[in-house]
């Protein structure tokens, strides 16, 4: 007996609360490149992104805890963990083939303390 595989092709899938219809999650493809990125956004009760997981067209994964464009956010990628506040990185832990680095910055993004391979 052959199994039948069913497919649903969509560019954007929205999950809403059953009672009031508030959007709580969005799965979508986005971008204008040859290979679009894929993004899953989990929204808080106000509709703001609480967790955003994304894989870009080159296959690079990124996880944002908090709104990725404003406020206080933690961004995790395969080579770094960045802490954002007010639109700038205030602390970062990075790794590379040369080793690792820890950097703390002021509110304007200027490094005030750096430890590691620089």
N, C-alpha and C. Protein backbone atom coordinates (compact mmCIF):
# COMPACT_ATOMS: atom_id res chain seq x y z
N UNK A 1 0.83 -1.17 0.00
CA UNK A 1 0.00 0.00 0.00
C UNK A 1 0.89 1.25 0.00
N UNK A 2 0.63 2.17 -0.91
CA UNK A 2 1.40 3.40 -1.00
C UNK A 2 0.83 4.44 -0.05
N UNK A 3 1.74 5.19 0.58
CA UNK A 3 1.30 6.31 1.40
C UNK A 3 1.12 7.53 0.51
N UNK A 4 0.10 8.27 0.77
CA UNK A 4 -0.11 9.51 0.04
C UNK A 4 0.45 10.65 0.86
N UNK A 5 1.20 11.48 0.20
CA UNK A 5 1.78 12.65 0.86
C UNK A 5 0.99 13.87 0.41
N UNK A 6 0.50 14.59 1.39
CA UNK A 6 -0.27 15.80 1.10
C UNK A 6 0.58 17.01 1.46
N UNK A 7 0.46 18.03 0.66
CA UNK A 7 1.26 19.22 0.82
C UNK A 7 0.36 20.44 0.83
N UNK A 8 0.72 21.40 1.64
CA UNK A 8 0.03 22.67 1.68
C UNK A 8 1.07 23.74 1.41
N UNK A 9 0.96 24.47 0.33
CA UNK A 9 1.95 25.48 -0.04
C UNK A 9 1.42 26.86 0.33
N UNK A 10 2.12 27.51 1.26
CA UNK A 10 1.76 28.87 1.67
C UNK A 10 3.04 29.68 1.84
N UNK A 11 2.93 30.98 1.71
CA UNK A 11 4.06 31.87 1.96
C UNK A 11 4.02 32.42 3.38
N UNK A 12 2.85 32.39 3.99
CA UNK A 12 2.69 32.95 5.34
C UNK A 12 1.59 32.17 6.04
N UNK A 13 1.90 31.69 7.23
CA UNK A 13 0.94 30.96 8.05
C UNK A 13 0.78 31.72 9.36
N UNK A 14 -0.44 32.06 9.71
CA UNK A 14 -0.71 32.85 10.91
C UNK A 14 -1.53 32.02 11.88
N UNK A 15 -1.09 31.98 13.15
CA UNK A 15 -1.84 31.31 14.21
C UNK A 15 -2.47 32.37 15.08
N UNK A 16 -3.79 32.25 15.26
CA UNK A 16 -4.55 33.21 16.06
C UNK A 16 -5.17 32.54 17.27
N UNK A 17 -5.43 33.33 18.30
CA UNK A 17 -6.13 32.83 19.46
C UNK A 17 -7.59 32.57 19.07
N UNK A 18 -8.19 31.49 19.55
CA UNK A 18 -9.55 31.17 19.14
C UNK A 18 -10.60 32.16 19.66
N UNK A 19 -10.36 32.76 20.82
CA UNK A 19 -11.39 33.63 21.41
C UNK A 19 -11.48 35.01 20.76
N UNK A 20 -10.34 35.71 20.69
CA UNK A 20 -10.41 37.08 20.19
C UNK A 20 -9.66 37.31 18.88
N UNK A 21 -9.02 36.28 18.34
CA UNK A 21 -8.38 36.40 17.04
C UNK A 21 -7.02 37.07 17.05
N UNK A 22 -6.45 37.32 18.25
CA UNK A 22 -5.12 37.93 18.28
C UNK A 22 -4.09 37.00 17.65
N UNK A 23 -3.20 37.57 16.85
CA UNK A 23 -2.14 36.80 16.22
C UNK A 23 -1.09 36.47 17.28
N UNK A 24 -0.72 35.19 17.38
CA UNK A 24 0.27 34.75 18.38
C UNK A 24 1.52 34.15 17.76
N UNK A 25 1.46 33.74 16.48
CA UNK A 25 2.64 33.22 15.80
C UNK A 25 2.49 33.40 14.30
N UNK A 26 3.63 33.64 13.65
CA UNK A 26 3.65 33.81 12.19
C UNK A 26 4.84 33.02 11.65
N UNK A 27 4.58 32.15 10.68
CA UNK A 27 5.61 31.43 9.95
C UNK A 27 5.57 31.96 8.52
N UNK A 28 6.70 32.48 8.03
CA UNK A 28 6.67 33.12 6.72
C UNK A 28 8.01 33.03 6.01
N UNK A 29 7.94 33.17 4.70
CA UNK A 29 9.14 33.38 3.90
C UNK A 29 9.20 34.86 3.62
N UNK A 30 10.40 35.42 3.60
CA UNK A 30 10.53 36.85 3.37
C UNK A 30 11.87 37.15 2.71
N UNK A 31 11.94 38.26 2.04
CA UNK A 31 13.17 38.67 1.38
C UNK A 31 13.00 38.68 -0.12
N UNK A 32 13.89 39.44 -0.76
CA UNK A 32 13.81 39.61 -2.21
C UNK A 32 14.89 38.83 -2.96
N UNK A 33 15.76 38.12 -2.24
CA UNK A 33 16.85 37.40 -2.89
C UNK A 33 16.37 36.18 -3.65
N UNK A 34 17.31 35.50 -4.28
CA UNK A 34 16.98 34.30 -5.04
C UNK A 34 16.43 33.22 -4.12
N UNK A 35 16.95 33.15 -2.89
CA UNK A 35 16.44 32.20 -1.90
C UNK A 35 15.96 33.03 -0.70
N UNK A 36 14.66 33.08 -0.46
CA UNK A 36 14.17 33.89 0.65
C UNK A 36 14.51 33.27 2.00
N UNK A 37 14.50 34.10 3.02
CA UNK A 37 14.69 33.59 4.36
C UNK A 37 13.37 33.03 4.88
N UNK A 38 13.47 32.21 5.92
CA UNK A 38 12.29 31.63 6.57
C UNK A 38 12.31 32.12 8.00
N UNK A 39 11.16 32.59 8.49
CA UNK A 39 11.10 33.17 9.82
C UNK A 39 9.87 32.66 10.58
N UNK A 40 10.09 32.30 11.84
CA UNK A 40 9.01 31.96 12.76
C UNK A 40 9.04 32.98 13.88
N UNK A 41 7.95 33.73 14.04
CA UNK A 41 7.84 34.73 15.10
C UNK A 41 6.78 34.29 16.08
N UNK A 42 7.15 34.20 17.35
CA UNK A 42 6.20 33.92 18.43
C UNK A 42 5.92 35.25 19.11
N UNK A 43 4.66 35.65 19.17
CA UNK A 43 4.29 36.97 19.64
C UNK A 43 3.73 36.92 21.05
N UNK A 44 3.97 38.01 21.80
CA UNK A 44 3.42 38.09 23.14
C UNK A 44 1.95 38.51 23.06
N UNK A 45 1.31 38.70 24.20
CA UNK A 45 -0.12 39.02 24.23
C UNK A 45 -0.44 40.36 23.58
N UNK A 46 0.56 41.25 23.47
CA UNK A 46 0.34 42.56 22.81
C UNK A 46 0.57 42.49 21.31
N UNK A 47 1.04 41.33 20.81
CA UNK A 47 1.34 41.19 19.39
C UNK A 47 2.76 41.56 19.03
N UNK A 48 3.62 41.76 20.03
CA UNK A 48 5.02 42.09 19.79
C UNK A 48 5.85 40.81 19.72
N UNK A 49 6.89 40.75 18.89
CA UNK A 49 7.73 39.56 18.82
C UNK A 49 8.42 39.29 20.16
N UNK A 50 8.24 38.10 20.69
CA UNK A 50 8.92 37.67 21.92
C UNK A 50 10.11 36.80 21.56
N UNK A 51 9.95 35.93 20.57
CA UNK A 51 11.02 35.07 20.06
C UNK A 51 10.89 35.04 18.54
N UNK A 52 12.00 35.29 17.85
CA UNK A 52 12.02 35.24 16.39
C UNK A 52 13.16 34.32 15.98
N UNK A 53 12.82 33.26 15.25
CA UNK A 53 13.81 32.32 14.73
C UNK A 53 13.85 32.49 13.22
N UNK A 54 15.06 32.62 12.68
CA UNK A 54 15.17 32.87 11.25
C UNK A 54 16.33 32.11 10.65
N UNK A 55 16.15 31.64 9.41
CA UNK A 55 17.23 31.06 8.60
C UNK A 55 17.24 31.87 7.31
N UNK A 56 18.39 32.52 7.03
CA UNK A 56 18.44 33.37 5.84
C UNK A 56 18.68 32.54 4.58
N UNK A 57 18.74 33.20 3.45
CA UNK A 57 18.90 32.52 2.18
C UNK A 57 20.19 31.75 2.04
N UNK A 58 21.20 32.10 2.85
CA UNK A 58 22.48 31.39 2.84
C UNK A 58 22.50 30.24 3.83
N UNK A 59 21.40 30.05 4.57
CA UNK A 59 21.33 28.96 5.54
C UNK A 59 21.81 29.31 6.93
N UNK A 60 22.10 30.59 7.19
CA UNK A 60 22.59 31.00 8.50
C UNK A 60 21.42 31.17 9.47
N UNK A 61 21.42 30.43 10.59
CA UNK A 61 20.35 30.55 11.56
C UNK A 61 20.63 31.65 12.59
N UNK A 62 19.56 32.33 13.02
CA UNK A 62 19.66 33.35 14.07
C UNK A 62 18.41 33.24 14.94
N UNK A 63 18.61 33.38 16.24
CA UNK A 63 17.51 33.37 17.20
C UNK A 63 17.54 34.69 17.95
N UNK A 64 16.40 35.39 17.96
CA UNK A 64 16.27 36.65 18.71
C UNK A 64 15.30 36.39 19.87
N UNK A 65 15.74 36.73 21.08
CA UNK A 65 14.85 36.69 22.24
C UNK A 65 14.55 38.14 22.57
N UNK A 66 13.32 38.56 22.35
CA UNK A 66 12.94 39.97 22.43
C UNK A 66 12.74 40.49 21.03
N UNK A 67 12.24 41.70 20.92
CA UNK A 67 11.97 42.31 19.61
C UNK A 67 13.29 42.52 18.87
N UNK A 68 13.44 41.97 17.65
CA UNK A 68 14.73 42.08 16.96
C UNK A 68 15.09 43.48 16.48
N UNK A 69 14.14 44.41 16.45
CA UNK A 69 14.41 45.75 15.93
C UNK A 69 14.46 46.84 16.98
N UNK A 70 14.06 46.53 18.21
CA UNK A 70 14.07 47.58 19.24
C UNK A 70 14.00 46.95 20.63
N UNK A 71 14.29 47.76 21.62
CA UNK A 71 14.23 47.29 23.00
C UNK A 71 15.45 46.46 23.38
N UNK A 72 15.31 45.66 24.40
CA UNK A 72 16.38 44.80 24.88
C UNK A 72 16.22 43.43 24.23
N UNK A 73 17.27 42.95 23.59
CA UNK A 73 17.20 41.71 22.81
C UNK A 73 18.48 40.91 23.00
N UNK A 74 18.34 39.60 23.01
CA UNK A 74 19.49 38.69 22.95
C UNK A 74 19.43 38.04 21.56
N UNK A 75 20.53 38.12 20.82
CA UNK A 75 20.60 37.52 19.49
C UNK A 75 21.65 36.42 19.52
N UNK A 76 21.24 35.22 19.12
CA UNK A 76 22.13 34.06 19.15
C UNK A 76 22.31 33.55 17.72
N UNK A 77 23.57 33.45 17.31
CA UNK A 77 23.91 32.87 16.01
C UNK A 77 24.95 31.79 16.27
N UNK A 78 25.34 31.01 15.26
CA UNK A 78 26.33 29.96 15.50
C UNK A 78 27.67 30.46 16.04
N UNK A 79 28.04 31.72 15.76
CA UNK A 79 29.35 32.21 16.20
C UNK A 79 29.30 33.30 17.25
N UNK A 80 28.09 33.71 17.71
CA UNK A 80 28.04 34.83 18.66
C UNK A 80 26.76 34.83 19.47
N UNK A 81 26.87 35.45 20.63
CA UNK A 81 25.71 35.81 21.45
C UNK A 81 25.85 37.31 21.70
N UNK A 82 24.89 38.10 21.21
CA UNK A 82 24.93 39.55 21.36
C UNK A 82 23.77 40.01 22.22
N UNK A 83 24.05 40.95 23.13
CA UNK A 83 23.02 41.59 23.93
C UNK A 83 22.81 42.99 23.39
N UNK A 84 21.58 43.30 23.00
CA UNK A 84 21.24 44.58 22.39
C UNK A 84 20.41 45.41 23.35
N UNK A 85 20.60 46.71 23.31
CA UNK A 85 19.76 47.64 24.05
C UNK A 85 19.77 48.97 23.30
N UNK A 86 18.60 49.53 23.08
CA UNK A 86 18.50 50.82 22.41
C UNK A 86 19.08 50.84 21.01
N UNK A 87 19.03 49.73 20.29
CA UNK A 87 19.49 49.69 18.92
C UNK A 87 20.97 49.40 18.73
N UNK A 88 21.71 49.14 19.82
CA UNK A 88 23.13 48.85 19.70
C UNK A 88 23.54 47.66 20.55
N UNK A 89 24.63 47.01 20.16
CA UNK A 89 25.15 45.89 20.93
C UNK A 89 25.86 46.45 22.16
N UNK A 90 25.49 45.96 23.35
CA UNK A 90 26.13 46.40 24.60
C UNK A 90 27.05 45.33 25.18
N UNK A 91 26.89 44.09 24.77
CA UNK A 91 27.79 43.01 25.19
C UNK A 91 27.76 41.92 24.14
N UNK A 92 28.91 41.26 23.97
CA UNK A 92 29.00 40.24 22.93
C UNK A 92 30.00 39.17 23.33
N UNK A 93 29.67 37.93 23.05
CA UNK A 93 30.58 36.80 23.17
C UNK A 93 30.67 36.20 21.78
N UNK A 94 31.89 36.18 21.21
CA UNK A 94 32.08 35.71 19.83
C UNK A 94 33.15 34.64 19.78
N UNK A 95 32.99 33.74 18.81
CA UNK A 95 34.01 32.72 18.59
C UNK A 95 34.38 32.69 17.13
N UNK A 96 35.61 32.26 16.85
CA UNK A 96 36.08 32.11 15.48
C UNK A 96 37.18 31.05 15.49
N UNK A 97 37.77 30.82 14.34
CA UNK A 97 38.85 29.83 14.27
C UNK A 97 40.09 30.31 15.03
N UNK A 98 40.20 31.62 15.28
CA UNK A 98 41.33 32.18 16.03
C UNK A 98 41.10 32.17 17.53
N UNK A 99 39.92 31.84 17.98
CA UNK A 99 39.63 31.84 19.42
C UNK A 99 38.34 32.56 19.72
N UNK A 100 38.23 33.08 20.93
CA UNK A 100 37.00 33.75 21.34
C UNK A 100 37.26 35.15 21.82
N UNK A 101 36.17 35.90 22.00
CA UNK A 101 36.27 37.28 22.43
C UNK A 101 35.02 37.65 23.22
N UNK A 102 35.25 38.41 24.27
CA UNK A 102 34.14 38.99 25.04
C UNK A 102 34.31 40.49 24.98
N UNK A 103 33.23 41.20 24.64
CA UNK A 103 33.31 42.65 24.52
C UNK A 103 32.10 43.28 25.20
N UNK A 104 32.35 44.35 25.95
CA UNK A 104 31.29 45.13 26.58
C UNK A 104 31.36 46.53 25.99
N UNK A 105 30.21 47.08 25.60
CA UNK A 105 30.18 48.39 24.96
C UNK A 105 29.29 49.34 25.74
N UNK A 106 29.47 50.63 25.47
CA UNK A 106 28.58 51.62 26.08
C UNK A 106 27.32 51.73 25.24
N UNK A 107 26.43 52.60 25.61
CA UNK A 107 25.15 52.73 24.92
C UNK A 107 25.25 53.18 23.48
N UNK A 108 26.40 53.75 23.09
CA UNK A 108 26.61 54.20 21.72
C UNK A 108 27.36 53.18 20.88
N UNK A 109 27.62 51.97 21.43
CA UNK A 109 28.28 50.92 20.69
C UNK A 109 29.79 50.97 20.73
N UNK A 110 30.38 51.88 21.51
CA UNK A 110 31.84 51.94 21.64
C UNK A 110 32.30 50.92 22.67
N UNK A 111 33.30 50.12 22.31
CA UNK A 111 33.82 49.10 23.22
C UNK A 111 34.47 49.77 24.43
N UNK A 112 34.09 49.33 25.62
CA UNK A 112 34.70 49.85 26.84
C UNK A 112 35.57 48.79 27.51
N UNK A 113 35.34 47.52 27.19
CA UNK A 113 36.13 46.43 27.74
C UNK A 113 36.14 45.30 26.73
N UNK A 114 37.33 44.77 26.45
CA UNK A 114 37.42 43.68 25.49
C UNK A 114 38.42 42.67 26.00
N UNK A 115 38.02 41.41 26.02
CA UNK A 115 38.89 40.32 26.43
C UNK A 115 38.92 39.28 25.33
N UNK A 116 40.10 38.81 24.99
CA UNK A 116 40.16 37.76 23.98
C UNK A 116 41.11 38.07 22.87
N UNK A 117 40.85 37.49 21.72
CA UNK A 117 41.80 37.51 20.61
C UNK A 117 41.57 38.66 19.66
N UNK A 118 41.92 39.85 20.08
CA UNK A 118 41.89 41.00 19.17
C UNK A 118 43.13 41.77 19.26
